[in-house]
C-alpha cells in the first residue's frame, strides 16, 4: 500500500485484478423474491452477475426502466422494488441471459 510518493514519474499499480464482464449466455443469474429486512416491502433480487460495476449498473437501469420500478445495484446484485420475478426472468432471457432461474 502506497500512501504518498514524491516521484513525479511514479506509476501506481493496483493489486486488484481487472474483472471482465462475461457474455450474457455465460452468466448464471438467480432471481429471487425477498421480504426480510426491508420493512415489510417486497423486493426482487438478481444475484450472480460477474462483470464490471458499470455493466451491472447498465443492466439494473434497463431492468428498472422496463419494470417501471425503482431499485439499486451493488456488489454483483440487483435489487428491484416489488414482486416482479416472472417479468425480470422473461426480460433477462430476451436480453440473451439464457442461464437464468
C-alpha atoms as a PDB file:
ATOM      1  CA  UNK A   1       0.000   0.000   0.000  1.00  0.00           C
ATOM      2  CA  UNK A   2       1.408   3.369  -1.027  1.00  0.00           C
ATOM      3  CA  UNK A   3       0.160   6.449   0.714  1.00  0.00           C
ATOM      4  CA  UNK A   4       2.251   9.146  -0.957  1.00  0.00           C
ATOM      5  CA  UNK A   5       5.084   9.370  -3.477  1.00  0.00           C
ATOM      6  CA  UNK A   6       7.253  12.374  -4.297  1.00  0.00           C
ATOM      7  CA  UNK A   7       8.424  10.819  -7.555  1.00  0.00           C
ATOM      8  CA  UNK A   8       6.625  12.613 -10.434  1.00  0.00           C
ATOM      9  CA  UNK A   9       7.186   9.570 -12.712  1.00  0.00           C
ATOM     10  CA  UNK A  10       5.685   7.092 -10.247  1.00  0.00           C
ATOM     11  CA  UNK A  11       3.220   4.667 -11.837  1.00  0.00           C
ATOM     12  CA  UNK A  12       0.711   3.303  -9.348  1.00  0.00           C
ATOM     13  CA  UNK A  13      -0.169  -0.364  -9.902  1.00  0.00           C
ATOM     14  CA  UNK A  14      -3.248  -1.861  -8.314  1.00  0.00           C
ATOM     15  CA  UNK A  15      -3.164  -5.323  -6.756  1.00  0.00           C
ATOM     16  CA  UNK A  16      -6.803  -5.888  -7.693  1.00  0.00           C
ATOM     17  CA  UNK A  17      -7.343  -7.883 -10.884  1.00  0.00           C
ATOM     18  CA  UNK A  18      -9.484  -6.303 -13.583  1.00  0.00           C
ATOM     19  CA  UNK A  19     -12.850  -8.025 -13.811  1.00  0.00           C
ATOM     20  CA  UNK A  20     -14.169  -8.667 -17.292  1.00  0.00           C
ATOM     21  CA  UNK A  21     -17.867  -8.901 -17.905  1.00  0.00           C
ATOM     22  CA  UNK A  22     -18.918 -12.356 -19.011  1.00  0.00           C
ATOM     23  CA  UNK A  23     -21.081 -12.713 -22.097  1.00  0.00           C
ATOM     24  CA  UNK A  24     -24.821 -12.877 -21.309  1.00  0.00           C
ATOM     25  CA  UNK A  25     -25.073 -16.546 -22.257  1.00  0.00           C
ATOM     26  CA  UNK A  26     -22.265 -17.408 -19.792  1.00  0.00           C
ATOM     27  CA  UNK A  27     -23.793 -15.566 -16.821  1.00  0.00           C
ATOM     28  CA  UNK A  28     -25.541 -17.623 -14.123  1.00  0.00           C
ATOM     29  CA  UNK A  29     -28.160 -15.258 -12.774  1.00  0.00           C
ATOM     30  CA  UNK A  30     -30.560 -16.243  -9.997  1.00  0.00           C
ATOM     31  CA  UNK A  31     -33.761 -14.269  -9.484  1.00  0.00           C
ATOM     32  CA  UNK A  32     -35.490 -14.465  -6.103  1.00  0.00           C
ATOM     33  CA  UNK A  33     -38.021 -12.590  -4.006  1.00  0.00           C
ATOM     34  CA  UNK A  34     -37.112 -11.343  -0.543  1.00  0.00           C
ATOM     35  CA  UNK A  35     -39.230  -9.747   2.164  1.00  0.00           C
ATOM     36  CA  UNK A  36     -36.987  -9.872   5.232  1.00  0.00           C
ATOM     37  CA  UNK A  37     -35.093  -6.795   6.383  1.00  0.00           C
ATOM     38  CA  UNK A  38     -36.998  -4.434   4.111  1.00  0.00           C
ATOM     39  CA  UNK A  39     -39.650  -3.081   6.431  1.00  0.00           C
ATOM     40  CA  UNK A  40     -42.334  -5.425   5.090  1.00  0.00           C
ATOM     41  CA  UNK A  41     -41.711  -4.382   1.495  1.00  0.00           C
ATOM     42  CA  UNK A  42     -41.142  -6.972  -1.203  1.00  0.00           C
ATOM     43  CA  UNK A  43     -38.025  -6.842  -3.384  1.00  0.00           C
ATOM     44  CA  UNK A  44     -36.859  -8.944  -6.310  1.00  0.00           C
ATOM     45  CA  UNK A  45     -33.143  -9.795  -6.251  1.00  0.00           C
ATOM     46  CA  UNK A  46     -30.946 -10.720  -9.208  1.00  0.00           C
ATOM     47  CA  UNK A  47     -27.756 -12.380  -7.975  1.00  0.00           C
ATOM     48  CA  UNK A  48     -24.673 -13.824  -9.621  1.00  0.00           C
ATOM     49  CA  UNK A  49     -23.684 -11.085 -12.079  1.00  0.00           C
ATOM     50  CA  UNK A  50     -19.989 -11.301 -12.984  1.00  0.00           C
ATOM     51  CA  UNK A  51     -18.554  -8.160 -14.533  1.00  0.00           C
ATOM     52  CA  UNK A  52     -17.706  -4.527 -14.119  1.00  0.00           C
ATOM     53  CA  UNK A  53     -19.740  -2.218 -11.937  1.00  0.00           C
ATOM     54  CA  UNK A  54     -20.636  -0.067 -14.960  1.00  0.00           C
ATOM     55  CA  UNK A  55     -22.152  -3.064 -16.772  1.00  0.00           C
ATOM     56  CA  UNK A  56     -24.056  -4.033 -13.616  1.00  0.00           C
ATOM     57  CA  UNK A  57     -25.452  -0.500 -13.335  1.00  0.00           C
ATOM     58  CA  UNK A  58     -26.443  -0.519 -17.017  1.00  0.00           C
ATOM     59  CA  UNK A  59     -28.304  -3.840 -16.670  1.00  0.00           C
ATOM     60  CA  UNK A  60     -30.017  -2.622 -13.492  1.00  0.00           C
ATOM     61  CA  UNK A  61     -31.147   0.574 -15.202  1.00  0.00           C
ATOM     62  CA  UNK A  62     -32.543  -1.396 -18.118  1.00  0.00           C
ATOM     63  CA  UNK A  63     -34.475  -3.746 -15.799  1.00  0.00           C
ATOM     64  CA  UNK A  64     -35.797  -0.892 -13.638  1.00  0.00           C
ATOM     65  CA  UNK A  65     -36.941   1.049 -16.702  1.00  0.00           C
ATOM     66  CA  UNK A  66     -38.736  -1.913 -18.265  1.00  0.00           C
ATOM     67  CA  UNK A  67     -40.433  -2.847 -14.968  1.00  0.00           C
ATOM     68  CA  UNK A  68     -41.333   0.751 -14.170  1.00  0.00           C
ATOM     69  CA  UNK A  69     -39.984   0.498 -10.625  1.00  0.00           C
ATOM     70  CA  UNK A  70     -37.037   1.677  -8.574  1.00  0.00           C
ATOM     71  CA  UNK A  71     -34.126  -0.274  -7.237  1.00  0.00           C
ATOM     72  CA  UNK A  72     -30.365  -0.376  -6.831  1.00  0.00           C
ATOM     73  CA  UNK A  73     -27.307  -2.334  -7.885  1.00  0.00           C
ATOM     74  CA  UNK A  74     -24.106  -3.098  -5.989  1.00  0.00           C
ATOM     75  CA  UNK A  75     -21.709  -5.965  -5.267  1.00  0.00           C
ATOM     76  CA  UNK A  76     -22.936  -8.105  -8.169  1.00  0.00           C
ATOM     77  CA  UNK A  77     -26.556  -7.893  -7.000  1.00  0.00           C
ATOM     78  CA  UNK A  78     -29.516  -6.005  -8.443  1.00  0.00           C
ATOM     79  CA  UNK A  79     -32.452  -5.126  -6.202  1.00  0.00           C
ATOM     80  CA  UNK A  80     -35.744  -4.241  -7.904  1.00  0.00           C
ATOM     81  CA  UNK A  81     -38.652  -2.935  -5.846  1.00  0.00           C
ATOM     82  CA  UNK A  82     -41.773  -5.059  -5.899  1.00  0.00           C
ATOM     83  CA  UNK A  83     -42.620  -8.642  -6.770  1.00  0.00           C
ATOM     84  CA  UNK A  84     -41.714  -8.773 -10.470  1.00  0.00           C
ATOM     85  CA  UNK A  85     -39.755 -12.035 -10.616  1.00  0.00           C
ATOM     86  CA  UNK A  86     -41.519 -13.521 -13.663  1.00  0.00           C
ATOM     87  CA  UNK A  87     -41.215 -10.276 -15.624  1.00  0.00           C
ATOM     88  CA  UNK A  88     -37.481  -9.983 -14.841  1.00  0.00           C
ATOM     89  CA  UNK A  89     -36.775 -13.598 -15.836  1.00  0.00           C
ATOM     90  CA  UNK A  90     -38.545 -13.003 -19.163  1.00  0.00           C
ATOM     91  CA  UNK A  91     -36.638  -9.729 -19.718  1.00  0.00           C
ATOM     92  CA  UNK A  92     -33.273 -11.327 -18.921  1.00  0.00           C
ATOM     93  CA  UNK A  93     -33.950 -14.196 -21.304  1.00  0.00           C
ATOM     94  CA  UNK A  94     -34.917 -11.753 -24.062  1.00  0.00           C
ATOM     95  CA  UNK A  95     -31.599  -9.934 -23.447  1.00  0.00           C
ATOM     96  CA  UNK A  96     -29.645 -13.174 -24.013  1.00  0.00           C
ATOM     97  CA  UNK A  97     -29.178 -14.332 -20.417  1.00  0.00           C
ATOM     98  CA  UNK A  98     -30.147 -17.935 -21.147  1.00  0.00           C
ATOM     99  CA  UNK A  99     -28.903 -19.443 -17.860  1.00  0.00           C
ATOM    100  CA  UNK A 100     -31.442 -17.658 -15.652  1.00  0.00           C
ATOM    101  CA  UNK A 101     -33.723 -19.143 -12.980  1.00  0.00           C
END
